[in-house]
Amino acid sequence: MDEIGDVGEFNRRGWNSKSAGGDRWSIPVDAATIAAARRGEWSVILTPSFPVPRDWFGDIAGIDLLGLASGGGQQCPVFAAAGANVTSFDASDEQLARDREVAEREGLTIRTVQGFMHDLSVFAGDSFDMIFHSCSNSFAPDILPVWRECARVLRPGGVLMVGFTNPVRFMFDEPSVERGEPVARNRIPYSDLDLPEAERAALLADDPVICFGHTLTDQIGGQLAAGFMLTDMFEDDFEERDAVGQLMDCYIATRAILRA
C-alpha cells in the first residue's frame, strides 16, 4: 500500500470540501489587492499572520515561481500580479480553482497543476527560481521527499520559502486545548492516524484532513540535507491564540537557498 498516496487522496478530498465550504485559506483576494500588487504594493503570508519580509523575495518580476501546495486564490495571484511567471501546484482541485478564478477575473496568467507535494515529476529539473510553500506539509506523512523534489526543480541559487507548524504544537491534546487546559500527551513525530479510533473520528468529523507533526530534524535538517542553506527564519501564530498559542508561537517560517 502506498501510504502517501492513500493519505494524499483522503486529504485532497478533504481540502476540496474545506475549499468549497469557504475555509479561511480558500477565500480569493479581491480586486484591490491585485491592483496594489501591480503597483508593487503587496505582501503575502507563509504562516497565519506575519507578512513575509519583502527582502526575502527581491525583485520577482520575470522569475519562474512555484506555489507549492499553496492554492486557494491568495498568494499565487499576488505573485502573478507582481510580475512573476507563476505555477500553482496543489493536491486540491478546488484550491486550484480558486487561483484560476482570480486569474480569469483579473486577467492574470497562472499555470495550475494538480498533484501531491512529494512528487514533482511533472516538472523538469532546474525549472524554477523560487518555491513558495506555505503551511501545508502537516498534511504529508513524509516531508523528506518534498525537500528532495524542491532541490531538483529549483535552479542553483534558487530560493525556498516554507511555513510549517512547530512540532511542539502537536504534543498537546486537542480537546484539552479547546477547554483552555493544555495537556501534553502526544509523541513527536505525531500522526492523527495514531489516535484512538473514536478520537480520530471526532477530529475528522470536525476537520476532514489527516495531520502530521514532523520533527525539526525533518523540517529544517531535511532542507539542509537536500542541499539548501538556511538564510533566515521567524516565528508566528494566529491573531487569536488558543491555549497553546498563549504560551508560545506555534508556527515557523524559513528561507533557504539551494547551494550551487
Protein backbone atom coordinates (compact mmCIF):
# COMPACT_ATOMS: atom_id res chain seq x y z
CA MET A 1 0.00 0.00 0.00
CA ASP A 2 1.28 3.47 -0.89
CA GLU A 3 0.57 5.29 2.38
CA ILE A 4 1.46 8.69 0.94
CA GLY A 5 -0.89 8.17 -1.97
CA ASP A 6 -3.75 6.96 0.22
CA VAL A 7 -3.41 9.79 2.72
CA GLY A 8 -2.87 12.25 -0.10
CA GLU A 9 -6.11 11.25 -1.78
CA PHE A 10 -8.00 11.47 1.52
CA ASN A 11 -6.60 14.95 2.14
CA ARG A 12 -7.26 16.01 -1.44
CA ARG A 13 -10.95 15.25 -0.96
CA GLY A 14 -10.87 16.88 2.47
CA TRP A 15 -9.39 20.08 1.11
CA ASN A 16 -11.88 20.09 -1.75
CA SER A 17 -14.62 20.06 0.87
CA LYS A 18 -12.94 22.75 3.00
CA SER A 19 -12.37 24.96 -0.03
CA ALA A 20 -15.94 24.61 -1.26
CA GLY A 21 -17.10 25.45 2.27
CA GLY A 22 -15.26 28.76 2.38
CA ASP A 23 -12.27 27.84 4.55
CA ARG A 24 -10.19 30.90 5.51
CA TRP A 25 -7.34 29.67 3.27
CA SER A 26 -9.74 29.41 0.32
CA ILE A 27 -11.09 32.97 0.14
CA PRO A 28 -9.65 34.60 -3.01
CA VAL A 29 -8.00 38.01 -2.81
CA ASP A 30 -10.06 40.95 -4.02
CA ALA A 31 -9.51 43.24 -7.00
CA ALA A 32 -7.97 45.97 -4.84
CA THR A 33 -5.25 43.57 -3.64
CA ILE A 34 -4.37 42.67 -7.23
CA ALA A 35 -4.36 46.32 -8.31
CA ALA A 36 -1.97 47.15 -5.47
CA ALA A 37 0.29 44.22 -6.39
CA ARG A 38 0.51 45.53 -9.94
CA ARG A 39 1.78 48.80 -8.46
CA GLY A 40 4.39 46.92 -6.44
CA GLU A 41 2.46 47.19 -3.18
CA TRP A 42 1.96 43.66 -1.93
CA SER A 43 2.54 41.21 0.91
CA VAL A 44 1.87 37.52 1.48
CA ILE A 45 2.00 35.11 4.41
CA LEU A 46 3.71 31.75 4.89
CA THR A 47 2.30 31.38 8.39
CA PRO A 48 -1.03 32.52 9.89
CA SER A 49 -0.43 36.24 10.42
CA PHE A 50 3.03 37.77 9.95
CA PRO A 51 3.80 39.11 6.45
CA VAL A 52 6.88 37.60 4.83
CA PRO A 53 9.62 40.28 4.75
CA ARG A 54 9.86 41.75 1.27
CA ASP A 55 13.65 41.43 1.28
CA TRP A 56 13.14 37.65 1.30
CA PHE A 57 11.92 37.99 -2.30
CA GLY A 58 13.95 40.65 -4.06
CA ASP A 59 12.57 41.60 -7.47
CA ILE A 60 10.23 38.81 -8.59
CA ALA A 61 9.33 40.33 -11.96
CA GLY A 62 10.02 37.74 -14.65
CA ILE A 63 11.12 34.92 -12.33
CA ASP A 64 9.69 31.40 -12.53
CA LEU A 65 7.86 30.84 -9.25
CA LEU A 66 6.24 27.64 -7.97
CA GLY A 67 3.45 27.92 -5.41
CA LEU A 68 3.81 24.51 -3.77
CA ALA A 69 0.61 23.31 -2.07
CA SER A 70 -0.33 26.99 -1.83
CA GLY A 71 -3.56 27.09 -3.83
CA GLY A 72 -6.60 28.99 -2.66
CA GLY A 73 -6.59 32.21 -4.66
CA GLN A 74 -4.42 34.11 -2.20
CA GLN A 75 -0.63 34.10 -2.74
CA CYS A 76 -0.22 32.88 -6.32
CA PRO A 77 -2.43 35.60 -7.88
CA VAL A 78 -0.49 38.26 -5.96
CA PHE A 79 2.80 36.91 -7.32
CA ALA A 80 1.38 36.88 -10.84
CA ALA A 81 0.15 40.47 -10.50
CA ALA A 82 3.63 41.46 -9.26
CA GLY A 83 5.13 40.12 -12.49
CA ALA A 84 6.27 36.56 -11.73
CA ASN A 85 5.69 33.61 -14.05
CA VAL A 86 3.58 31.54 -11.65
CA THR A 87 2.79 27.84 -11.47
CA SER A 88 0.36 26.77 -8.75
CA PHE A 89 0.76 23.10 -7.77
CA ASP A 90 -1.74 21.68 -5.29
CA ALA A 91 -3.45 18.41 -4.44
CA SER A 92 -6.87 20.06 -4.20
CA ASP A 93 -8.78 20.68 -7.39
CA GLU A 94 -10.92 23.26 -5.58
CA GLN A 95 -7.91 25.17 -4.26
CA LEU A 96 -6.50 25.35 -7.78
CA ALA A 97 -9.90 26.54 -8.99
CA ARG A 98 -9.65 29.49 -6.61
CA ASP A 99 -6.35 30.51 -8.27
CA ARG A 100 -7.93 30.19 -11.72
CA GLU A 101 -10.93 32.19 -10.53
CA VAL A 102 -8.75 35.17 -9.62
CA ALA A 103 -6.63 34.79 -12.77
CA GLU A 104 -9.69 34.86 -15.02
CA ARG A 105 -11.29 37.73 -13.11
CA GLU A 106 -8.15 39.89 -13.15
CA GLY A 107 -6.57 38.93 -16.47
CA LEU A 108 -3.61 37.14 -14.90
CA THR A 109 -1.64 34.17 -16.19
CA ILE A 110 -1.30 31.32 -13.68
CA ARG A 111 -0.48 27.76 -14.69
CA THR A 112 -2.31 25.31 -12.40
CA VAL A 113 -1.18 21.70 -11.96
CA GLN A 114 -2.82 19.08 -9.72
CA GLY A 115 -0.53 16.71 -7.80
CA PHE A 116 0.95 15.74 -4.44
CA MET A 117 3.81 17.72 -2.94
CA HIS A 118 6.16 14.74 -2.58
CA ASP A 119 6.09 14.09 -6.36
CA LEU A 120 7.01 16.97 -8.67
CA SER A 121 7.95 14.66 -11.55
CA VAL A 122 5.70 16.63 -13.89
CA PHE A 123 8.40 19.33 -13.79
CA ALA A 124 11.88 19.05 -15.30
CA GLY A 125 14.91 19.74 -13.16
CA ASP A 126 16.05 23.36 -12.81
CA SER A 127 12.58 24.70 -13.70
CA PHE A 128 12.08 27.39 -11.06
CA ASP A 129 13.85 30.32 -9.42
CA MET A 130 11.68 30.34 -6.30
CA ILE A 131 9.35 27.98 -4.40
CA PHE A 132 6.74 29.34 -2.01
CA HIS A 133 5.45 26.58 0.29
CA SER A 134 3.04 27.98 2.88
CA CYS A 135 1.86 25.94 5.90
CA SER A 136 0.71 22.70 4.26
CA ASN A 137 3.30 19.98 4.86
CA SER A 138 1.46 18.90 8.00
CA PHE A 139 -0.84 17.10 5.53
CA ALA A 140 2.03 14.93 4.20
CA PRO A 141 3.13 11.77 6.05
CA ASP A 142 6.79 12.18 4.98
CA ILE A 143 8.37 15.53 4.11
CA LEU A 144 11.91 14.42 3.20
CA PRO A 145 10.82 13.61 -0.38
CA VAL A 146 9.31 17.11 -0.57
CA TRP A 147 12.67 18.75 0.11
CA ARG A 148 14.46 16.48 -2.37
CA GLU A 149 11.95 17.34 -5.09
CA CYS A 150 12.23 21.05 -4.29
CA ALA A 151 16.01 20.81 -4.69
CA ARG A 152 15.61 19.01 -8.00
CA VAL A 153 13.24 21.50 -9.63
CA LEU A 154 14.95 24.65 -8.30
CA ARG A 155 17.83 26.24 -10.18
CA PRO A 156 21.14 26.64 -8.29
CA GLY A 157 20.86 29.68 -6.05
CA GLY A 158 17.07 29.41 -6.11
CA VAL A 159 15.03 30.35 -3.05
CA LEU A 160 12.81 28.05 -0.99
CA MET A 161 10.36 29.67 1.45
CA VAL A 162 8.50 27.37 3.82
CA GLY A 163 5.91 27.77 6.56
CA PHE A 164 5.24 24.92 8.98
CA THR A 165 3.79 24.09 12.37
CA ASN A 166 6.20 23.86 15.28
CA PRO A 167 6.02 20.17 16.25
CA VAL A 168 5.59 21.11 19.91
CA ARG A 169 2.05 22.20 18.99
CA PHE A 170 1.15 18.60 18.19
CA MET A 171 2.18 17.38 21.64
CA PHE A 172 -0.95 18.85 23.16
CA ASP A 173 -4.27 17.05 23.38
CA GLU A 174 -6.79 18.84 21.15
CA PRO A 175 -9.82 18.51 23.47
CA SER A 176 -7.81 19.86 26.40
CA VAL A 177 -6.65 22.82 24.30
CA GLU A 178 -10.25 23.64 23.43
CA ARG A 179 -11.02 23.76 27.15
CA GLY A 180 -8.09 26.10 27.71
CA GLU A 181 -6.13 23.45 29.61
CA PRO A 182 -3.11 22.38 27.51
CA VAL A 183 -2.17 18.78 28.28
CA ALA A 184 0.99 17.35 26.66
CA ARG A 185 0.10 13.82 25.61
CA ASN A 186 1.27 13.07 22.08
CA ARG A 187 4.70 11.93 20.94
CA ILE A 188 6.62 13.66 18.16
CA PRO A 189 6.61 12.82 15.30
CA TYR A 190 2.84 12.98 15.51
CA SER A 191 0.12 11.46 13.33
CA ASP A 192 -3.67 11.66 13.56
CA LEU A 193 -3.59 8.03 12.44
CA ASP A 194 -2.08 7.03 15.80
CA LEU A 195 -5.01 8.37 17.82
CA PRO A 196 -7.66 6.03 19.25
CA GLU A 197 -10.29 5.35 16.61
CA ALA A 198 -13.12 7.25 18.32
CA GLU A 199 -10.94 10.30 18.91
CA ARG A 200 -9.64 10.29 15.35
CA ALA A 201 -13.19 10.01 14.01
CA ALA A 202 -14.26 13.00 16.11
CA LEU A 203 -11.36 15.09 14.80
CA LEU A 204 -12.07 14.19 11.18
CA ALA A 205 -15.77 14.94 11.60
CA ASP A 206 -14.78 18.47 12.59
CA ASP A 207 -11.91 18.90 10.10
CA PRO A 208 -11.77 16.28 7.30
CA VAL A 209 -7.99 16.12 6.82
CA ILE A 210 -5.28 13.92 8.36
CA CYS A 211 -2.47 15.88 10.03
CA PHE A 212 1.14 15.03 10.86
CA GLY A 213 3.59 16.77 13.18
CA HIS A 214 7.10 16.43 11.75
CA THR A 215 10.28 16.77 13.77
CA LEU A 216 12.50 19.83 13.45
CA THR A 217 15.17 17.42 12.22
CA ASP A 218 12.96 16.64 9.24
CA GLN A 219 11.63 20.17 8.78
CA ILE A 220 14.94 22.06 8.97
CA GLY A 221 17.57 19.32 8.88
CA GLY A 222 15.76 17.80 5.90
CA GLN A 223 16.13 21.02 3.94
CA LEU A 224 19.84 21.16 4.77
CA ALA A 225 20.35 17.51 3.80
CA ALA A 226 18.65 18.16 0.44
CA GLY A 227 21.21 20.84 -0.39
CA PHE A 228 19.69 24.02 0.99
CA MET A 229 21.35 26.67 3.13
CA LEU A 230 19.12 28.43 5.68
CA THR A 231 19.33 32.22 5.41
CA ASP A 232 16.53 33.48 7.68
CA MET A 233 13.51 32.49 9.78
CA PHE A 234 10.78 33.85 12.03
CA GLU A 235 8.03 32.55 14.33
CA ASP A 236 4.33 33.39 14.21
CA ASP A 237 0.84 32.44 15.40
CA PHE A 238 -2.80 33.24 14.74
CA GLU A 239 -4.12 36.67 15.71
CA GLU A 240 -6.47 34.96 18.16
CA ARG A 241 -4.30 32.46 20.01
CA ASP A 242 -5.56 29.24 21.52
CA ALA A 243 -4.35 27.95 24.89
CA VAL A 244 -1.04 26.67 23.46
CA GLY A 245 -0.53 29.85 21.45
CA GLN A 246 -0.77 31.83 24.66
CA LEU A 247 2.45 30.09 25.74
CA MET A 248 4.47 30.07 22.51
CA ASP A 249 4.47 30.90 18.81
CA CYS A 250 3.27 27.73 17.14
CA TYR A 251 4.41 28.37 13.55
CA ILE A 252 7.79 28.82 11.87
CA ALA A 253 8.82 30.27 8.50
CA THR A 254 12.19 29.59 6.90
CA ARG A 255 14.03 30.99 3.91
CA ALA A 256 16.75 28.91 2.26
CA ILE A 257 18.74 28.95 -0.96
CA LEU A 258 19.85 25.98 -3.00
CA ARG A 259 23.61 25.61 -2.92
CA ALA A 260 25.22 25.65 -6.35
